[in-house]
N, C-alpha and C. Protein backbone atom coordinates (compact mmCIF):
# COMPACT_ATOMS: atom_id res chain seq x y z
N MET A 1 0.86 -1.21 -0.13
CA MET A 1 0.23 0.08 0.05
C MET A 1 0.96 1.35 -0.14
N PHE A 2 0.59 2.25 -0.46
CA PHE A 2 1.51 3.23 -0.72
C PHE A 2 0.37 4.69 -1.31
N ALA A 3 0.77 5.56 -0.89
CA ALA A 3 0.00 7.17 -0.96
C ALA A 3 0.91 7.76 -1.47
N ILE A 4 0.50 9.06 -2.19
CA ILE A 4 1.02 10.12 -2.66
C ILE A 4 0.35 11.23 -2.33
N PHE A 5 1.22 12.20 -1.42
CA PHE A 5 0.34 13.42 -0.83
C PHE A 5 1.27 14.62 -0.94
N GLU A 6 0.85 15.65 -0.95
CA GLU A 6 1.37 16.88 -1.19
C GLU A 6 1.74 17.87 0.10
N PHE A 7 3.16 18.33 0.01
CA PHE A 7 3.04 18.94 1.34
C PHE A 7 4.12 20.34 0.72
N GLY A 8 3.93 21.38 1.14
CA GLY A 8 5.11 22.34 0.97
C GLY A 8 5.36 22.49 -0.78
N GLY A 9 4.36 22.29 -1.47
CA GLY A 9 4.57 22.46 -2.91
C GLY A 9 5.24 21.24 -3.65
N LYS A 10 5.61 20.26 -3.05
CA LYS A 10 6.39 19.06 -3.04
C LYS A 10 5.42 17.73 -3.31
N GLN A 11 5.36 16.70 -4.00
CA GLN A 11 4.56 15.54 -3.95
C GLN A 11 5.52 14.56 -3.45
N TYR A 12 4.89 13.50 -2.76
CA TYR A 12 5.93 12.69 -2.10
C TYR A 12 5.16 11.06 -2.04
N LYS A 13 5.82 9.95 -2.38
CA LYS A 13 5.27 8.61 -2.78
C LYS A 13 5.86 8.18 -1.37
N VAL A 14 4.63 7.63 -0.25
CA VAL A 14 5.05 6.87 0.79
C VAL A 14 4.17 5.52 1.11
N SER A 15 5.14 5.01 1.91
CA SER A 15 4.57 3.56 2.34
C SER A 15 4.46 3.67 3.61
N GLU A 16 3.83 2.84 4.75
CA GLU A 16 3.53 3.07 6.29
C GLU A 16 5.23 2.40 6.57
N GLY A 17 5.78 3.15 7.33
CA GLY A 17 7.18 2.65 8.12
C GLY A 17 8.13 3.56 7.33
N ASP A 18 7.97 4.13 6.14
CA ASP A 18 8.76 5.05 5.35
C ASP A 18 9.14 6.43 6.44
N VAL A 19 10.85 7.00 6.36
CA VAL A 19 11.06 7.95 6.42
C VAL A 19 11.50 8.96 5.75
N VAL A 20 10.86 10.27 5.89
CA VAL A 20 10.88 11.24 4.62
C VAL A 20 11.30 12.46 5.15
N PHE A 21 12.10 12.96 4.50
CA PHE A 21 12.57 14.51 5.13
C PHE A 21 12.01 15.69 4.32
N LEU A 22 10.96 16.40 4.69
CA LEU A 22 10.03 17.61 4.48
C LEU A 22 10.49 18.59 4.88
N GLU A 23 10.03 19.85 4.23
CA GLU A 23 10.17 21.38 4.48
C GLU A 23 10.07 21.46 5.77
N LYS A 24 11.05 22.35 6.58
CA LYS A 24 10.81 22.46 7.95
C LYS A 24 9.14 22.91 8.29
N MET A 25 9.04 22.15 9.56
CA MET A 25 7.28 22.36 10.29
C MET A 25 7.40 22.58 11.22
N ASN A 26 6.54 23.26 11.96
CA ASN A 26 6.59 23.82 13.29
C ASN A 26 6.25 22.61 14.31
N VAL A 27 6.77 21.50 14.19
CA VAL A 27 6.74 20.54 15.30
C VAL A 27 7.68 19.95 15.92
N GLU A 28 7.71 19.61 17.31
CA GLU A 28 8.58 18.94 18.07
C GLU A 28 8.87 17.85 17.79
N ALA A 29 9.86 17.13 17.88
CA ALA A 29 10.17 15.86 17.63
C ALA A 29 9.38 14.80 18.97
N GLY A 30 8.76 13.73 18.05
CA GLY A 30 7.42 12.94 18.79
C GLY A 30 6.23 13.19 18.41
N GLU A 31 6.01 14.48 17.97
CA GLU A 31 4.70 14.95 17.96
C GLU A 31 4.28 14.12 16.34
N THR A 32 2.52 14.17 16.29
CA THR A 32 2.10 13.54 15.39
C THR A 32 1.47 14.50 14.36
N VAL A 33 1.60 14.28 13.09
CA VAL A 33 1.37 15.32 11.96
C VAL A 33 0.41 14.60 11.37
N LYS A 34 -0.55 15.32 10.68
CA LYS A 34 -1.58 14.51 9.54
C LYS A 34 -1.84 15.51 8.39
N PHE A 35 -1.12 14.64 7.21
CA PHE A 35 -1.31 15.28 5.78
C PHE A 35 -2.88 15.12 5.08
N ASP A 36 -3.41 15.97 5.01
CA ASP A 36 -4.78 15.66 4.26
C ASP A 36 -4.83 15.89 3.14
N LYS A 37 -3.94 16.58 2.02
CA LYS A 37 -4.16 16.47 0.80
C LYS A 37 -3.47 15.39 0.27
N VAL A 38 -4.09 14.18 -0.09
CA VAL A 38 -3.64 12.92 -0.37
C VAL A 38 -4.27 13.31 -1.96
N LEU A 39 -3.30 12.68 -2.77
CA LEU A 39 -3.66 12.84 -4.52
C LEU A 39 -4.24 11.41 -4.75
N ALA A 40 -3.50 10.19 -4.25
CA ALA A 40 -3.54 9.09 -5.03
C ALA A 40 -3.19 8.07 -3.94
N ILE A 41 -4.15 7.15 -3.84
CA ILE A 41 -3.73 5.99 -2.96
C ILE A 41 -3.89 4.36 -3.50
N SER A 42 -2.85 3.67 -3.64
CA SER A 42 -2.86 2.40 -4.17
C SER A 42 -2.92 1.11 -2.84
N ASP A 43 -3.77 0.38 -3.02
CA ASP A 43 -3.71 -0.52 -1.63
C ASP A 43 -4.42 -2.26 -2.72
N GLU A 44 -4.73 -3.12 -1.96
CA GLU A 44 -5.10 -4.09 -2.37
C GLU A 44 -6.35 -4.27 -3.33
N ALA A 45 -7.53 -3.13 -2.95
CA ALA A 45 -8.33 -3.24 -3.69
C ALA A 45 -8.06 -2.29 -4.69
N GLY A 46 -7.67 -1.73 -5.25
CA GLY A 46 -7.09 -1.02 -6.38
C GLY A 46 -6.26 0.25 -6.67
N PHE A 47 -6.29 1.00 -7.48
CA PHE A 47 -5.69 2.43 -7.39
C PHE A 47 -6.71 3.20 -7.48
N GLN A 48 -6.77 4.37 -6.52
CA GLN A 48 -7.69 5.36 -6.41
C GLN A 48 -6.85 6.71 -6.48
N ALA A 49 -7.25 7.76 -7.66
CA ALA A 49 -7.03 8.93 -7.70
C ALA A 49 -7.90 10.09 -7.68
N GLY A 50 -7.37 11.07 -6.67
CA GLY A 50 -8.41 12.28 -6.53
C GLY A 50 -8.55 13.13 -7.89
N ALA A 51 -9.34 13.97 -7.53
CA ALA A 51 -9.60 15.25 -8.61
C ALA A 51 -10.17 16.60 -7.84
N PRO A 52 -9.03 17.34 -7.45
CA PRO A 52 -7.20 16.71 -7.38
C PRO A 52 -7.18 15.77 -6.09
N ALA A 53 -7.80 16.18 -4.98
CA ALA A 53 -7.40 15.20 -4.09
C ALA A 53 -8.49 14.42 -3.43
N ILE A 54 -7.98 13.19 -2.73
CA ILE A 54 -9.21 12.36 -2.30
C ILE A 54 -9.81 13.01 -0.87
N GLU A 55 -11.16 12.90 -1.04
CA GLU A 55 -11.70 13.38 0.07
C GLU A 55 -11.67 12.36 1.44
N GLY A 56 -11.54 12.70 2.83
CA GLY A 56 -11.30 12.31 3.86
C GLY A 56 -10.08 11.08 3.84
N ALA A 57 -9.24 11.38 2.90
CA ALA A 57 -8.06 10.42 3.29
C ALA A 57 -7.21 11.23 3.63
N TYR A 58 -6.29 10.62 4.57
CA TYR A 58 -5.28 11.34 5.08
C TYR A 58 -3.84 10.46 5.40
N VAL A 59 -2.73 11.09 5.51
CA VAL A 59 -1.51 10.27 6.05
C VAL A 59 -1.00 10.83 7.51
N GLU A 60 -0.98 9.67 8.47
CA GLU A 60 -0.25 10.26 9.25
C GLU A 60 1.05 9.92 9.76
N ALA A 61 1.71 10.71 10.39
CA ALA A 61 3.56 10.63 10.57
C ALA A 61 3.75 11.45 11.88
N ASN A 62 4.81 10.61 12.28
CA ASN A 62 5.34 11.14 13.48
C ASN A 62 6.64 11.61 13.49
N ALA A 63 6.68 13.13 13.84
CA ALA A 63 8.00 13.82 13.81
C ALA A 63 9.02 12.91 14.55
N VAL A 64 10.03 12.74 13.77
CA VAL A 64 11.56 12.38 14.26
C VAL A 64 12.25 13.02 14.77
N LYS A 65 13.00 14.23 14.00
CA LYS A 65 13.63 15.38 14.39
C LYS A 65 13.41 16.54 13.30
N ASN A 66 13.81 17.83 13.67
CA ASN A 66 14.17 18.76 13.16
C ASN A 66 15.80 19.11 12.78
N GLY A 67 16.17 19.57 11.67
CA GLY A 67 17.62 19.64 11.54
C GLY A 67 17.83 20.41 10.20
N LYS A 68 19.08 20.43 9.81
CA LYS A 68 19.82 21.04 8.75
C LYS A 68 20.37 20.17 7.85
N ASN A 69 20.42 20.35 6.57
CA ASN A 69 20.89 19.50 5.68
C ASN A 69 22.41 20.13 5.62
N LYS A 70 23.39 19.40 4.61
CA LYS A 70 24.76 19.68 4.67
C LYS A 70 24.86 20.68 4.15
N LYS A 71 26.04 21.92 4.32
CA LYS A 71 26.02 23.33 3.58
C LYS A 71 26.24 22.96 2.52
N ILE A 72 26.05 23.78 1.35
CA ILE A 72 26.02 24.09 -0.27
C ILE A 72 26.84 25.21 -0.14
N VAL A 73 27.71 25.48 -0.96
CA VAL A 73 28.60 26.88 -1.31
C VAL A 73 27.97 27.48 -2.44
N ILE A 74 27.95 28.87 -2.41
CA ILE A 74 27.39 29.27 -3.51
C ILE A 74 28.66 30.19 -4.13
N LEU A 75 29.21 30.33 -5.11
CA LEU A 75 30.37 31.20 -5.46
C LEU A 75 29.96 32.01 -6.60
N ARG A 76 29.92 33.39 -6.46
CA ARG A 76 29.34 33.81 -7.68
C ARG A 76 30.82 34.97 -8.38
N TYR A 77 31.12 34.41 -9.45
CA TYR A 77 32.42 35.17 -9.96
C TYR A 77 31.69 35.94 -11.49
N LYS A 78 32.58 36.90 -11.49
CA LYS A 78 32.52 38.19 -12.84
C LYS A 78 33.91 37.76 -13.27
N ALA A 79 34.29 37.50 -14.29
CA ALA A 79 35.37 37.32 -15.09
C ALA A 79 35.83 38.77 -15.22
N LYS A 80 37.04 39.30 -15.16
CA LYS A 80 37.97 40.29 -15.71
C LYS A 80 37.48 41.36 -14.73
N LYS A 81 36.74 41.31 -13.73
CA LYS A 81 36.41 42.24 -12.98
C LYS A 81 36.96 42.23 -11.40
N ASN A 82 37.32 41.21 -11.11
CA ASN A 82 38.00 41.27 -9.74
C ASN A 82 36.87 41.07 -8.49
N GLU A 83 35.56 40.46 -9.15
CA GLU A 83 34.36 40.51 -8.28
C GLU A 83 34.25 39.11 -7.95
N LYS A 84 34.12 38.40 -6.59
CA LYS A 84 33.68 37.38 -5.94
C LYS A 84 32.96 37.36 -4.85
N LYS A 85 31.64 36.60 -5.05
CA LYS A 85 30.95 36.60 -3.76
C LYS A 85 30.79 34.93 -3.39
N LYS A 86 31.15 34.43 -2.22
CA LYS A 86 31.22 33.22 -1.62
C LYS A 86 29.95 33.02 -0.39
N GLN A 87 28.85 32.35 -0.66
CA GLN A 87 28.03 32.15 0.47
C GLN A 87 27.87 31.15 0.51
N GLY A 88 27.24 30.38 1.70
CA GLY A 88 26.79 29.18 2.19
C GLY A 88 25.20 29.19 2.80
N HIS A 89 24.64 27.95 2.44
CA HIS A 89 23.44 27.60 2.71
C HIS A 89 23.15 26.42 3.34
N ARG A 90 22.17 26.56 4.22
CA ARG A 90 21.94 25.03 4.98
C ARG A 90 20.40 24.79 5.25
N GLN A 91 19.56 24.39 4.35
CA GLN A 91 18.30 24.07 4.22
C GLN A 91 17.75 23.46 5.22
N PRO A 92 16.72 23.86 6.12
CA PRO A 92 16.45 23.48 7.11
C PRO A 92 15.35 22.20 6.83
N TYR A 93 15.07 20.96 7.57
CA TYR A 93 14.14 20.11 7.12
C TYR A 93 13.41 19.44 8.65
N THR A 94 12.74 18.93 8.22
CA THR A 94 11.72 17.81 9.15
C THR A 94 11.91 16.76 8.75
N LYS A 95 12.04 15.50 9.71
CA LYS A 95 12.35 14.08 9.35
C LYS A 95 11.08 13.77 9.81
N VAL A 96 10.15 12.94 9.34
CA VAL A 96 8.91 12.38 9.66
C VAL A 96 8.93 10.65 9.19
N GLN A 97 8.47 9.98 10.14
CA GLN A 97 8.07 8.34 10.07
C GLN A 97 6.48 8.27 9.74
N ILE A 98 6.39 7.72 8.44
CA ILE A 98 4.82 7.45 8.32
C ILE A 98 4.21 6.52 9.04
N THR A 99 3.16 6.58 9.97
CA THR A 99 2.77 5.70 10.61
C THR A 99 1.40 5.13 10.21
N LYS A 100 0.27 5.89 9.20
CA LYS A 100 -0.61 5.30 8.84
C LYS A 100 -1.01 6.10 7.57
N ILE A 101 -1.97 5.19 6.91
CA ILE A 101 -2.45 5.59 5.44
C ILE A 101 -3.51 5.30 5.64
N ALA A 102 -4.76 6.28 5.92
CA ALA A 102 -6.17 5.71 5.45
C ALA A 102 -7.02 6.84 4.59
N LYS A 103 -8.05 5.94 3.89
CA LYS A 103 -8.73 6.28 3.08
C LYS A 103 -10.19 6.49 3.56
N ALA A 104 -10.93 7.24 2.96
CA ALA A 104 -12.23 7.51 3.40
C ALA A 104 -13.26 5.93 2.89
């Protein structure tokens, strides 16, 4: 059984027990999160797609931790102008574990 849900402008395909890294949410570790915008569900009964979402379906997850990804380095350089700019960025994330997929 798997589900496709949307969160933060991105779509995620998950099954029960999967661990997913999402955009940072305002939740503490150990809290339960519910995603209501389920686009599709597939189980032993078949595949069901929403238009655009399935009414009453949800994906429940447990927040494991909040953190930051590895640093990426952005280097801007203009040739022959002696102009350089170095910048770093660490994207924050929330790590969640999928506990339940339910449909109406």
